[in-house]
């Protein structure tokens, strides 16, 4: 996921950008569910989310997710079930739509946005020293989420194996993924994404997902 990663050109349209950003939200939701139930995550999907969270000033839209739509494959698959009105994991959907709601609350709180930005600036320095997925970095991302988004009255209650959820570094990893979901939710909004558009643009979104597939 370095700057030299070859760029696979996804369709460069507003709907395509919204789809990819929303896929990031649902990828985070899916990984939180997987982590809470099994203690494991898909490494490529995980690294994509962490990289996107830390890269707050990307050189291009594609650089945010590492340049290839397959880095968001997990999220795109969830999004396809939403758009196609097919059976999806209700827990994953709940996490995803909760992330969109929390993003809206965060956007309207300038002080918290500034605080989160300060946290991320500091964590970027850690990532340069240790590497993006080092546990010190993940712990700091988790702490940033806990001190900001997690203070809202509306909170995401994660379901899973209680013994796993209490194991070492698990709370930090879950919070780091949730923060990544917020990052992609903000990106989705910046690209013109809105909840109501998921209904009225269902056809164009489905066509875009077919092209990304």
N, C-alpha and C. Protein backbone atom coordinates (compact mmCIF):
# COMPACT_ATOMS: atom_id res chain seq x y z
N UNK A 1 0.82 -1.19 0.00
CA UNK A 1 0.00 0.00 0.00
C UNK A 1 0.86 1.24 0.00
N UNK A 2 2.01 1.13 -0.57
CA UNK A 2 2.91 2.28 -0.64
C UNK A 2 2.49 3.16 -1.80
N UNK A 3 3.21 4.28 -1.93
CA UNK A 3 2.89 5.21 -3.01
C UNK A 3 3.11 4.57 -4.37
N UNK A 4 3.90 3.49 -4.42
CA UNK A 4 4.19 2.84 -5.69
C UNK A 4 3.16 1.78 -6.07
N UNK A 5 2.14 1.57 -5.20
CA UNK A 5 1.12 0.59 -5.50
C UNK A 5 0.44 0.94 -6.82
N UNK A 6 0.34 0.01 -7.76
CA UNK A 6 -0.28 0.32 -9.04
C UNK A 6 -1.74 0.72 -8.85
N UNK A 7 -2.14 1.77 -9.56
CA UNK A 7 -3.50 2.27 -9.43
C UNK A 7 -4.41 1.59 -10.44
N UNK A 8 -5.44 0.92 -9.92
CA UNK A 8 -6.46 0.34 -10.77
C UNK A 8 -7.56 1.37 -10.90
N UNK A 9 -7.84 1.82 -12.09
CA UNK A 9 -8.78 2.90 -12.28
C UNK A 9 -10.22 2.42 -12.18
N UNK A 10 -10.85 2.73 -11.04
CA UNK A 10 -12.28 2.51 -10.91
C UNK A 10 -12.98 3.62 -11.67
N UNK A 11 -14.25 3.45 -12.03
CA UNK A 11 -14.98 4.53 -12.69
C UNK A 11 -14.90 5.81 -11.84
N UNK A 12 -14.47 6.90 -12.45
CA UNK A 12 -14.29 8.15 -11.69
C UNK A 12 -15.53 9.02 -11.86
N UNK A 13 -16.58 8.65 -11.16
CA UNK A 13 -17.83 9.41 -11.16
C UNK A 13 -18.22 9.67 -9.71
N UNK A 14 -19.09 10.64 -9.46
CA UNK A 14 -19.54 10.88 -8.08
C UNK A 14 -20.14 9.64 -7.44
N UNK A 15 -20.93 8.89 -8.21
CA UNK A 15 -21.57 7.69 -7.65
C UNK A 15 -20.52 6.63 -7.32
N UNK A 16 -19.50 6.49 -8.18
CA UNK A 16 -18.44 5.50 -7.92
C UNK A 16 -17.67 5.86 -6.66
N UNK A 17 -17.38 7.14 -6.50
CA UNK A 17 -16.66 7.57 -5.30
C UNK A 17 -17.50 7.34 -4.05
N UNK A 18 -18.79 7.65 -4.16
CA UNK A 18 -19.67 7.41 -3.02
C UNK A 18 -19.75 5.92 -2.69
N UNK A 19 -19.80 5.09 -3.74
CA UNK A 19 -19.87 3.64 -3.53
C UNK A 19 -18.63 3.12 -2.83
N UNK A 20 -17.46 3.57 -3.27
CA UNK A 20 -16.21 3.11 -2.67
C UNK A 20 -16.08 3.59 -1.22
N UNK A 21 -16.48 4.83 -0.98
CA UNK A 21 -16.41 5.34 0.39
C UNK A 21 -17.37 4.58 1.30
N UNK A 22 -18.58 4.34 0.79
CA UNK A 22 -19.57 3.60 1.58
C UNK A 22 -19.13 2.16 1.80
N UNK A 23 -18.43 1.60 0.81
CA UNK A 23 -17.88 0.25 0.97
C UNK A 23 -16.89 0.22 2.14
N UNK A 24 -16.14 1.32 2.31
CA UNK A 24 -15.23 1.40 3.45
C UNK A 24 -15.96 1.36 4.78
N UNK A 25 -17.11 2.01 4.83
CA UNK A 25 -17.93 2.00 6.05
C UNK A 25 -18.38 0.57 6.36
N UNK A 26 -18.91 -0.10 5.35
CA UNK A 26 -19.42 -1.46 5.57
C UNK A 26 -18.30 -2.48 5.74
N UNK A 27 -17.12 -2.18 5.19
CA UNK A 27 -15.97 -3.05 5.45
C UNK A 27 -15.59 -2.98 6.92
N UNK A 28 -15.61 -1.78 7.47
CA UNK A 28 -15.34 -1.63 8.90
C UNK A 28 -16.38 -2.38 9.72
N UNK A 29 -17.64 -2.24 9.33
CA UNK A 29 -18.72 -2.92 10.05
C UNK A 29 -18.53 -4.44 10.01
N UNK A 30 -18.15 -4.94 8.84
CA UNK A 30 -17.96 -6.38 8.67
C UNK A 30 -16.76 -6.88 9.49
N UNK A 31 -15.69 -6.10 9.50
CA UNK A 31 -14.50 -6.52 10.25
C UNK A 31 -14.72 -6.47 11.76
N UNK A 32 -15.49 -5.50 12.22
CA UNK A 32 -15.81 -5.46 13.65
C UNK A 32 -16.57 -6.73 14.04
N UNK A 33 -17.52 -7.12 13.21
CA UNK A 33 -18.30 -8.33 13.49
C UNK A 33 -17.41 -9.56 13.48
N UNK A 34 -16.54 -9.66 12.47
CA UNK A 34 -15.65 -10.81 12.36
C UNK A 34 -14.68 -10.88 13.55
N UNK A 35 -14.13 -9.73 13.91
CA UNK A 35 -13.17 -9.69 15.01
C UNK A 35 -13.84 -10.08 16.33
N UNK A 36 -15.05 -9.58 16.55
CA UNK A 36 -15.76 -9.84 17.81
C UNK A 36 -16.18 -11.31 17.94
N UNK A 37 -16.42 -11.95 16.80
CA UNK A 37 -16.87 -13.35 16.84
C UNK A 37 -15.73 -14.36 16.80
N UNK A 38 -14.65 -14.01 16.05
CA UNK A 38 -13.59 -15.00 15.81
C UNK A 38 -12.22 -14.59 16.34
N UNK A 39 -12.03 -13.31 16.60
CA UNK A 39 -10.72 -12.82 17.03
C UNK A 39 -9.76 -12.61 15.88
N UNK A 40 -10.23 -12.87 14.64
CA UNK A 40 -9.37 -12.73 13.45
C UNK A 40 -9.99 -11.74 12.47
N UNK A 41 -9.15 -11.17 11.61
CA UNK A 41 -9.67 -10.31 10.54
C UNK A 41 -8.90 -10.59 9.25
N UNK A 42 -9.55 -10.31 8.13
CA UNK A 42 -8.88 -10.38 6.84
C UNK A 42 -7.79 -9.32 6.81
N UNK A 43 -6.56 -9.74 6.60
CA UNK A 43 -5.42 -8.83 6.74
C UNK A 43 -5.45 -7.68 5.73
N UNK A 44 -5.78 -7.99 4.49
CA UNK A 44 -5.80 -6.95 3.46
C UNK A 44 -6.88 -5.90 3.77
N UNK A 45 -8.05 -6.38 4.19
CA UNK A 45 -9.14 -5.46 4.52
C UNK A 45 -8.78 -4.60 5.73
N UNK A 46 -8.12 -5.21 6.70
CA UNK A 46 -7.70 -4.52 7.92
C UNK A 46 -6.67 -3.44 7.61
N UNK A 47 -5.65 -3.80 6.85
CA UNK A 47 -4.59 -2.85 6.52
C UNK A 47 -5.12 -1.67 5.70
N UNK A 48 -6.09 -1.95 4.82
CA UNK A 48 -6.69 -0.88 4.03
C UNK A 48 -7.39 0.13 4.92
N UNK A 49 -8.13 -0.36 5.91
CA UNK A 49 -8.86 0.53 6.82
C UNK A 49 -7.91 1.38 7.65
N UNK A 50 -6.87 0.77 8.19
CA UNK A 50 -5.94 1.50 9.04
C UNK A 50 -5.18 2.54 8.22
N UNK A 51 -4.76 2.16 7.03
CA UNK A 51 -4.04 3.11 6.16
C UNK A 51 -4.92 4.32 5.85
N UNK A 52 -6.18 4.08 5.53
CA UNK A 52 -7.09 5.17 5.19
C UNK A 52 -7.30 6.11 6.37
N UNK A 53 -7.33 5.57 7.57
CA UNK A 53 -7.53 6.40 8.76
C UNK A 53 -6.33 7.31 9.00
N UNK A 54 -5.16 6.79 8.75
CA UNK A 54 -3.94 7.55 9.02
C UNK A 54 -3.60 8.53 7.90
N UNK A 55 -4.05 8.23 6.68
CA UNK A 55 -3.72 9.09 5.55
C UNK A 55 -4.78 10.19 5.43
N UNK A 56 -4.61 11.24 6.21
CA UNK A 56 -5.61 12.32 6.25
C UNK A 56 -5.40 13.35 5.15
N UNK A 57 -4.30 13.24 4.41
CA UNK A 57 -4.05 14.17 3.31
C UNK A 57 -3.56 13.40 2.08
N UNK A 58 -4.44 12.53 1.55
CA UNK A 58 -4.02 11.66 0.44
C UNK A 58 -3.75 12.44 -0.84
N UNK A 59 -2.88 11.88 -1.67
CA UNK A 59 -2.53 12.55 -2.93
C UNK A 59 -3.65 12.42 -3.96
N UNK A 60 -4.54 11.47 -3.78
CA UNK A 60 -5.67 11.30 -4.68
C UNK A 60 -6.76 10.53 -3.94
N UNK A 61 -7.95 10.51 -4.51
CA UNK A 61 -9.04 9.73 -3.92
C UNK A 61 -8.66 8.25 -3.86
N UNK A 62 -8.09 7.75 -4.96
CA UNK A 62 -7.72 6.32 -5.03
C UNK A 62 -6.70 5.94 -3.96
N UNK A 63 -5.81 6.87 -3.63
CA UNK A 63 -4.75 6.58 -2.66
C UNK A 63 -5.32 6.26 -1.28
N UNK A 64 -6.50 6.76 -0.99
CA UNK A 64 -7.11 6.53 0.33
C UNK A 64 -7.27 5.05 0.61
N UNK A 65 -7.71 4.31 -0.42
CA UNK A 65 -7.96 2.88 -0.21
C UNK A 65 -6.89 2.00 -0.87
N UNK A 66 -5.75 2.60 -1.21
CA UNK A 66 -4.65 1.83 -1.74
C UNK A 66 -4.69 1.60 -3.23
N UNK A 67 -5.63 2.28 -3.93
CA UNK A 67 -5.60 2.28 -5.39
C UNK A 67 -6.37 1.19 -6.10
N UNK A 68 -6.78 0.13 -5.40
CA UNK A 68 -7.47 -0.97 -6.08
C UNK A 68 -8.77 -1.28 -5.34
N UNK A 69 -9.90 -1.33 -6.07
CA UNK A 69 -11.18 -1.61 -5.41
C UNK A 69 -11.20 -2.91 -4.62
N UNK A 70 -10.36 -3.87 -5.00
CA UNK A 70 -10.34 -5.14 -4.26
C UNK A 70 -9.90 -4.96 -2.81
N UNK A 71 -9.23 -3.85 -2.51
CA UNK A 71 -8.87 -3.58 -1.12
C UNK A 71 -10.12 -3.30 -0.28
N UNK A 72 -11.22 -2.99 -0.97
CA UNK A 72 -12.51 -2.74 -0.30
C UNK A 72 -13.52 -3.83 -0.66
N UNK A 73 -13.02 -4.98 -1.11
CA UNK A 73 -13.90 -6.04 -1.59
C UNK A 73 -14.93 -6.46 -0.54
N UNK A 74 -14.48 -6.61 0.70
CA UNK A 74 -15.40 -7.03 1.76
C UNK A 74 -16.57 -6.05 1.89
N UNK A 75 -16.26 -4.78 1.88
CA UNK A 75 -17.30 -3.77 2.00
C UNK A 75 -18.19 -3.68 0.78
N UNK A 76 -17.59 -3.84 -0.41
CA UNK A 76 -18.38 -3.81 -1.64
C UNK A 76 -19.39 -4.95 -1.67
N UNK A 77 -18.99 -6.11 -1.15
CA UNK A 77 -19.91 -7.25 -1.12
C UNK A 77 -21.09 -6.99 -0.19
N UNK A 78 -20.83 -6.34 0.95
CA UNK A 78 -21.94 -5.99 1.86
C UNK A 78 -22.85 -4.97 1.19
N UNK A 79 -22.25 -3.98 0.55
CA UNK A 79 -23.02 -2.93 -0.11
C UNK A 79 -23.89 -3.51 -1.23
N UNK A 80 -23.38 -4.52 -1.92
CA UNK A 80 -24.16 -5.17 -2.98
C UNK A 80 -25.43 -5.81 -2.42
N UNK A 81 -25.35 -6.37 -1.22
CA UNK A 81 -26.54 -6.97 -0.61
C UNK A 81 -27.55 -5.88 -0.22
N UNK A 82 -27.05 -4.73 0.22
CA UNK A 82 -27.94 -3.62 0.59
C UNK A 82 -28.67 -3.10 -0.64
N UNK A 83 -27.91 -2.84 -1.71
CA UNK A 83 -28.49 -2.28 -2.94
C UNK A 83 -29.41 -3.29 -3.62
N UNK A 84 -29.02 -4.56 -3.58
CA UNK A 84 -29.81 -5.59 -4.23
C UNK A 84 -30.95 -6.12 -3.38
N UNK A 85 -31.09 -5.56 -2.17
CA UNK A 85 -32.15 -5.98 -1.24
C UNK A 85 -32.10 -7.47 -0.98
N UNK A 86 -30.88 -7.98 -0.89
CA UNK A 86 -30.70 -9.40 -0.57
C UNK A 86 -30.44 -9.56 0.92
N UNK A 87 -30.49 -10.79 1.37
CA UNK A 87 -30.28 -11.09 2.78
C UNK A 87 -28.85 -10.72 3.19
N UNK A 88 -28.72 -9.90 4.20
CA UNK A 88 -27.41 -9.50 4.70
C UNK A 88 -27.35 -9.73 6.20
N UNK A 89 -26.14 -9.78 6.73
CA UNK A 89 -25.96 -9.94 8.17
C UNK A 89 -26.53 -8.71 8.87
N UNK A 90 -27.59 -8.86 9.66
CA UNK A 90 -28.22 -7.69 10.28
C UNK A 90 -27.31 -6.96 11.25
N UNK A 91 -26.40 -7.68 11.87
CA UNK A 91 -25.47 -7.05 12.81
C UNK A 91 -24.52 -6.12 12.05
N UNK A 92 -24.01 -6.59 10.92
CA UNK A 92 -23.11 -5.78 10.09
C UNK A 92 -23.84 -4.53 9.59
N UNK A 93 -25.08 -4.69 9.15
CA UNK A 93 -25.85 -3.54 8.68
C UNK A 93 -26.08 -2.54 9.82
N UNK A 94 -26.38 -3.06 11.00
CA UNK A 94 -26.59 -2.16 12.14
C UNK A 94 -25.32 -1.36 12.45
N UNK A 95 -24.18 -2.03 12.45
CA UNK A 95 -22.92 -1.32 12.68
C UNK A 95 -22.70 -0.26 11.60
N UNK A 96 -22.93 -0.63 10.35
CA UNK A 96 -22.67 0.29 9.24
C UNK A 96 -23.53 1.54 9.31
N UNK A 97 -24.83 1.37 9.49
CA UNK A 97 -25.71 2.53 9.53
C UNK A 97 -25.52 3.33 10.81
N UNK A 98 -25.09 2.67 11.89
CA UNK A 98 -24.76 3.40 13.12
C UNK A 98 -23.52 4.28 12.90
N UNK A 99 -22.57 3.80 12.13
CA UNK A 99 -21.38 4.60 11.81
C UNK A 99 -21.76 5.85 11.03
N UNK A 100 -22.71 5.72 10.11
CA UNK A 100 -23.16 6.89 9.36
C UNK A 100 -23.83 7.90 10.29
N UNK A 101 -24.60 7.41 11.25
CA UNK A 101 -25.27 8.30 12.19
C UNK A 101 -24.25 9.01 13.10
N UNK A 102 -23.25 8.26 13.55
CA UNK A 102 -22.22 8.87 14.40
C UNK A 102 -21.40 9.89 13.62
N UNK A 103 -21.17 9.62 12.34
CA UNK A 103 -20.46 10.58 11.50
C UNK A 103 -21.22 11.90 11.44
N UNK A 104 -22.53 11.84 11.33
CA UNK A 104 -23.34 13.06 11.27
C UNK A 104 -23.20 13.87 12.56
N UNK A 105 -23.18 13.17 13.68
CA UNK A 105 -23.01 13.85 14.97
C UNK A 105 -21.62 14.48 15.07
N UNK A 106 -20.62 13.76 14.59
CA UNK A 106 -19.24 14.26 14.64
C UNK A 106 -19.10 15.50 13.76
N UNK A 107 -19.67 15.47 12.57
CA UNK A 107 -19.57 16.60 11.65
C UNK A 107 -20.12 17.89 12.24
N UNK A 108 -21.13 17.77 13.08
CA UNK A 108 -21.76 18.96 13.66
C UNK A 108 -21.08 19.42 14.94
N UNK A 109 -19.98 18.75 15.30
CA UNK A 109 -19.26 19.09 16.53
C UNK A 109 -17.83 19.50 16.15
N UNK A 110 -17.65 20.78 15.88
CA UNK A 110 -16.35 21.27 15.40
C UNK A 110 -15.22 21.02 16.39
N UNK A 111 -15.51 21.19 17.67
CA UNK A 111 -14.48 21.00 18.69
C UNK A 111 -13.99 19.56 18.69
N UNK A 112 -14.92 18.63 18.55
CA UNK A 112 -14.53 17.22 18.54
C UNK A 112 -13.78 16.88 17.25
N UNK A 113 -14.19 17.47 16.14
CA UNK A 113 -13.47 17.25 14.88
C UNK A 113 -12.02 17.72 15.02
N UNK A 114 -11.84 18.88 15.64
CA UNK A 114 -10.48 19.41 15.83
C UNK A 114 -9.67 18.50 16.75
N UNK A 115 -10.31 18.03 17.83
CA UNK A 115 -9.62 17.15 18.77
C UNK A 115 -9.19 15.86 18.08
N UNK A 116 -10.08 15.30 17.26
CA UNK A 116 -9.76 14.07 16.55
C UNK A 116 -8.61 14.30 15.58
N UNK A 117 -8.61 15.45 14.91
CA UNK A 117 -7.53 15.79 14.00
C UNK A 117 -6.18 15.87 14.71
N UNK A 118 -6.19 16.42 15.92
CA UNK A 118 -4.96 16.51 16.71
C UNK A 118 -4.45 15.13 17.10
N UNK A 119 -5.38 14.26 17.49
CA UNK A 119 -5.01 12.88 17.82
C UNK A 119 -4.34 12.22 16.61
N UNK A 120 -4.96 12.37 15.44
CA UNK A 120 -4.46 11.69 14.25
C UNK A 120 -3.09 12.23 13.82
N UNK A 121 -2.88 13.52 14.00
CA UNK A 121 -1.57 14.10 13.66
C UNK A 121 -0.47 13.46 14.52
N UNK A 122 -0.78 13.30 15.80
CA UNK A 122 0.19 12.68 16.71
C UNK A 122 0.41 11.21 16.35
N UNK A 123 -0.68 10.51 16.02
CA UNK A 123 -0.59 9.08 15.71
C UNK A 123 0.17 8.84 14.40
N UNK A 124 0.06 9.78 13.47
CA UNK A 124 0.81 9.65 12.21
C UNK A 124 2.31 9.59 12.49
N UNK A 125 2.78 10.35 13.47
CA UNK A 125 4.18 10.30 13.85
C UNK A 125 4.55 8.93 14.40
N UNK A 126 3.65 8.35 15.20
CA UNK A 126 3.87 7.00 15.71
C UNK A 126 3.97 6.00 14.56
N UNK A 127 3.04 6.14 13.59
CA UNK A 127 2.99 5.20 12.47
C UNK A 127 4.26 5.26 11.63
N UNK A 128 4.81 6.44 11.48
CA UNK A 128 6.06 6.58 10.72
C UNK A 128 7.20 5.87 11.42
N UNK A 129 7.13 5.84 12.74
CA UNK A 129 8.21 5.22 13.53
C UNK A 129 8.03 3.70 13.64
N UNK A 130 6.80 3.26 13.96
CA UNK A 130 6.55 1.84 14.24
C UNK A 130 5.98 1.06 13.06
N UNK A 131 5.28 1.74 12.15
CA UNK A 131 4.52 1.07 11.10
C UNK A 131 3.04 1.22 11.38
N UNK A 132 2.26 1.26 10.32
CA UNK A 132 0.84 1.61 10.46
C UNK A 132 0.03 0.65 11.33
N UNK A 133 0.34 -0.64 11.30
CA UNK A 133 -0.49 -1.59 12.05
C UNK A 133 0.18 -2.09 13.33
N UNK A 134 1.23 -1.40 13.77
CA UNK A 134 1.87 -1.75 15.04
C UNK A 134 0.87 -1.56 16.18
N UNK A 135 0.98 -2.39 17.20
CA UNK A 135 -0.02 -2.33 18.26
C UNK A 135 -0.02 -0.99 19.00
N UNK A 136 1.10 -0.30 19.05
CA UNK A 136 1.11 1.03 19.67
C UNK A 136 0.24 2.00 18.89
N UNK A 137 0.30 1.89 17.57
CA UNK A 137 -0.52 2.75 16.70
C UNK A 137 -1.99 2.39 16.85
N UNK A 138 -2.28 1.10 16.84
CA UNK A 138 -3.67 0.64 16.98
C UNK A 138 -4.23 1.07 18.33
N UNK A 139 -3.42 0.96 19.38
CA UNK A 139 -3.86 1.38 20.71
C UNK A 139 -4.18 2.88 20.72
N UNK A 140 -3.37 3.67 20.03
CA UNK A 140 -3.60 5.11 19.99
C UNK A 140 -4.85 5.45 19.18
N UNK A 141 -5.07 4.73 18.09
CA UNK A 141 -6.29 4.95 17.30
C UNK A 141 -7.53 4.60 18.14
N UNK A 142 -7.44 3.50 18.87
CA UNK A 142 -8.54 3.11 19.75
C UNK A 142 -8.81 4.15 20.82
N UNK A 143 -7.74 4.70 21.36
CA UNK A 143 -7.88 5.73 22.39
C UNK A 143 -8.51 7.00 21.79
N UNK A 144 -8.12 7.35 20.57
CA UNK A 144 -8.69 8.52 19.90
C UNK A 144 -10.20 8.36 19.72
N UNK A 145 -10.61 7.17 19.34
CA UNK A 145 -12.05 6.91 19.18
C UNK A 145 -12.76 7.00 20.53
N UNK A 146 -12.13 6.41 21.54
CA UNK A 146 -12.74 6.38 22.88
C UNK A 146 -12.92 7.79 23.44
N UNK A 147 -11.97 8.67 23.18
CA UNK A 147 -12.01 10.02 23.74
C UNK A 147 -12.89 10.98 22.94
N UNK A 148 -13.29 10.57 21.74
CA UNK A 148 -14.08 11.46 20.89
C UNK A 148 -15.45 10.84 20.58
N UNK A 149 -15.51 10.07 19.53
CA UNK A 149 -16.79 9.53 19.05
C UNK A 149 -17.51 8.71 20.11
N UNK A 150 -16.75 7.98 20.92
CA UNK A 150 -17.34 7.10 21.91
C UNK A 150 -18.04 7.86 23.05
N UNK A 151 -17.85 9.18 23.11
CA UNK A 151 -18.48 9.96 24.18
C UNK A 151 -19.90 10.38 23.83
N UNK A 152 -20.33 10.17 22.59
CA UNK A 152 -21.72 10.47 22.23
C UNK A 152 -22.67 9.53 22.98
N UNK A 153 -23.87 10.02 23.24
CA UNK A 153 -24.87 9.16 23.90
C UNK A 153 -25.23 7.98 23.01
N UNK A 154 -25.28 8.22 21.71
CA UNK A 154 -25.49 7.13 20.75
C UNK A 154 -24.17 6.40 20.57
N UNK A 155 -24.16 5.13 20.95
CA UNK A 155 -22.92 4.37 20.87
C UNK A 155 -23.17 3.04 20.18
N UNK A 156 -22.12 2.48 19.63
CA UNK A 156 -22.21 1.17 18.98
C UNK A 156 -21.88 0.10 20.02
N UNK A 157 -22.85 -0.75 20.29
CA UNK A 157 -22.63 -1.87 21.21
C UNK A 157 -22.24 -3.08 20.38
N UNK A 158 -21.01 -3.54 20.56
CA UNK A 158 -20.48 -4.64 19.75
C UNK A 158 -20.87 -5.98 20.36
N UNK A 159 -21.45 -6.84 19.53
CA UNK A 159 -21.82 -8.19 19.95
C UNK A 159 -20.72 -9.16 19.54
N UNK A 160 -20.52 -10.18 20.37
CA UNK A 160 -19.52 -11.17 20.01
C UNK A 160 -19.22 -12.10 21.17
N UNK A 161 -18.10 -12.77 21.09
CA UNK A 161 -17.65 -13.68 22.13
C UNK A 161 -17.10 -12.86 23.30
N UNK A 162 -17.76 -12.89 24.47
CA UNK A 162 -17.32 -12.06 25.59
C UNK A 162 -15.86 -12.26 25.97
N UNK A 163 -15.39 -13.50 25.91
CA UNK A 163 -13.99 -13.76 26.28
C UNK A 163 -13.04 -13.14 25.27
N UNK A 164 -13.43 -13.17 24.00
CA UNK A 164 -12.60 -12.54 22.96
C UNK A 164 -12.60 -11.03 23.11
N UNK A 165 -13.78 -10.47 23.37
CA UNK A 165 -13.90 -9.02 23.45
C UNK A 165 -13.10 -8.44 24.62
N UNK A 166 -12.81 -9.27 25.61
CA UNK A 166 -12.04 -8.82 26.77
C UNK A 166 -10.57 -9.18 26.67
N UNK A 167 -10.18 -9.83 25.58
CA UNK A 167 -8.79 -10.27 25.46
C UNK A 167 -7.87 -9.10 25.12
N UNK A 168 -6.58 -9.35 25.26
CA UNK A 168 -5.59 -8.29 25.08
C UNK A 168 -5.69 -7.64 23.70
N UNK A 169 -5.72 -6.33 23.67
CA UNK A 169 -5.73 -5.50 22.46
C UNK A 169 -7.04 -5.57 21.68
N UNK A 170 -7.97 -6.41 22.12
CA UNK A 170 -9.21 -6.52 21.36
C UNK A 170 -10.04 -5.23 21.39
N UNK A 171 -10.25 -4.60 22.56
CA UNK A 171 -11.01 -3.35 22.56
C UNK A 171 -10.37 -2.28 21.68
N UNK A 172 -9.04 -2.21 21.72
CA UNK A 172 -8.33 -1.21 20.92
C UNK A 172 -8.50 -1.49 19.42
N UNK A 173 -8.42 -2.75 19.04
CA UNK A 173 -8.57 -3.11 17.63
C UNK A 173 -9.99 -2.81 17.13
N UNK A 174 -10.98 -3.14 17.94
CA UNK A 174 -12.37 -2.85 17.57
C UNK A 174 -12.58 -1.36 17.40
N UNK A 175 -12.08 -0.57 18.36
CA UNK A 175 -12.26 0.89 18.28
C UNK A 175 -11.50 1.48 17.09
N UNK A 176 -10.34 0.93 16.79
CA UNK A 176 -9.58 1.42 15.64
C UNK A 176 -10.35 1.17 14.34
N UNK A 177 -11.01 0.02 14.24
CA UNK A 177 -11.81 -0.28 13.05
C UNK A 177 -13.03 0.65 12.99
N UNK A 178 -13.66 0.90 14.12
CA UNK A 178 -14.81 1.81 14.14
C UNK A 178 -14.39 3.21 13.71
N UNK A 179 -13.21 3.63 14.14
CA UNK A 179 -12.70 4.94 13.73
C UNK A 179 -12.48 4.97 12.21
N UNK A 180 -12.00 3.86 11.66
CA UNK A 180 -11.84 3.78 10.21
C UNK A 180 -13.19 3.89 9.52
N UNK A 181 -14.22 3.28 10.11
CA UNK A 181 -15.56 3.40 9.56
C UNK A 181 -16.04 4.84 9.54
N UNK A 182 -15.72 5.58 10.59
CA UNK A 182 -16.06 7.01 10.65
C UNK A 182 -15.31 7.77 9.57
N UNK A 183 -14.04 7.41 9.36
CA UNK A 183 -13.23 8.06 8.33
C UNK A 183 -13.88 7.91 6.95
N UNK A 184 -14.33 6.69 6.64
CA UNK A 184 -14.95 6.46 5.34
C UNK A 184 -16.35 7.08 5.27
N UNK A 185 -17.04 7.14 6.41
CA UNK A 185 -18.35 7.79 6.43
C UNK A 185 -18.22 9.29 6.14
N UNK A 186 -17.19 9.92 6.70
CA UNK A 186 -16.93 11.32 6.41
C UNK A 186 -16.57 11.50 4.93
N UNK A 187 -15.78 10.58 4.41
CA UNK A 187 -15.40 10.63 3.00
C UNK A 187 -16.63 10.50 2.11
N UNK A 188 -17.52 9.58 2.47
CA UNK A 188 -18.77 9.39 1.72
C UNK A 188 -19.59 10.68 1.69
N UNK A 189 -19.69 11.35 2.82
CA UNK A 189 -20.44 12.60 2.89
C UNK A 189 -19.75 13.69 2.04
N UNK A 190 -18.42 13.74 2.12
CA UNK A 190 -17.66 14.73 1.34
C UNK A 190 -17.86 14.53 -0.16
N UNK A 191 -18.10 13.28 -0.56
CA UNK A 191 -18.29 12.97 -1.99
C UNK A 191 -19.76 13.11 -2.41
N UNK A 192 -20.58 13.64 -1.52
CA UNK A 192 -21.98 13.87 -1.85
C UNK A 192 -22.93 12.78 -1.41
N UNK A 193 -22.43 11.81 -0.65
CA UNK A 193 -23.28 10.73 -0.19
C UNK A 193 -24.28 11.19 0.87
N UNK A 194 -25.53 10.74 0.74
CA UNK A 194 -26.58 11.04 1.71
C UNK A 194 -27.44 9.79 1.87
N UNK A 195 -28.03 9.63 3.06
CA UNK A 195 -28.85 8.44 3.31
C UNK A 195 -29.98 8.30 2.29
N UNK A 196 -30.66 9.42 1.98
CA UNK A 196 -31.81 9.35 1.08
C UNK A 196 -31.39 8.92 -0.32
N UNK A 197 -30.16 9.22 -0.71
CA UNK A 197 -29.69 8.85 -2.05
C UNK A 197 -29.55 7.33 -2.21
N UNK A 198 -29.40 6.64 -1.09
CA UNK A 198 -29.29 5.19 -1.17
C UNK A 198 -30.57 4.58 -1.72
N UNK A 199 -31.68 5.29 -1.57
CA UNK A 199 -32.96 4.83 -2.11
C UNK A 199 -33.16 5.31 -3.53
N UNK A 200 -33.00 6.61 -3.76
CA UNK A 200 -33.32 7.17 -5.09
C UNK A 200 -32.26 6.86 -6.13
N UNK A 201 -31.02 6.56 -5.69
CA UNK A 201 -29.95 6.24 -6.64
C UNK A 201 -29.61 4.76 -6.67
N UNK A 202 -30.55 3.94 -6.21
CA UNK A 202 -30.28 2.50 -6.12
C UNK A 202 -29.83 1.91 -7.46
N UNK A 203 -30.49 2.32 -8.55
CA UNK A 203 -30.16 1.78 -9.86
C UNK A 203 -28.75 2.13 -10.30
N UNK A 204 -28.40 3.41 -10.19
CA UNK A 204 -27.06 3.83 -10.63
C UNK A 204 -25.98 3.27 -9.70
N UNK A 205 -26.32 3.10 -8.43
CA UNK A 205 -25.37 2.53 -7.49
C UNK A 205 -25.13 1.06 -7.82
N UNK A 206 -26.19 0.36 -8.16
CA UNK A 206 -26.07 -1.07 -8.52
C UNK A 206 -25.21 -1.21 -9.79
N UNK A 207 -25.45 -0.35 -10.78
CA UNK A 207 -24.66 -0.39 -12.01
C UNK A 207 -23.19 -0.13 -11.73
N UNK A 208 -22.91 0.82 -10.86
CA UNK A 208 -21.53 1.14 -10.49
C UNK A 208 -20.87 -0.04 -9.78
N UNK A 209 -21.59 -0.68 -8.88
CA UNK A 209 -21.04 -1.84 -8.18
C UNK A 209 -20.73 -2.98 -9.15
N UNK A 210 -21.58 -3.14 -10.17
CA UNK A 210 -21.30 -4.17 -11.19
C UNK A 210 -19.99 -3.85 -11.91
N UNK A 211 -19.75 -2.57 -12.19
CA UNK A 211 -18.52 -2.16 -12.88
C UNK A 211 -17.31 -2.37 -11.98
N UNK A 212 -17.48 -2.11 -10.69
CA UNK A 212 -16.37 -2.29 -9.75
C UNK A 212 -16.07 -3.76 -9.52
N UNK A 213 -17.07 -4.61 -9.73
CA UNK A 213 -16.89 -6.04 -9.53
C UNK A 213 -16.01 -6.67 -10.57
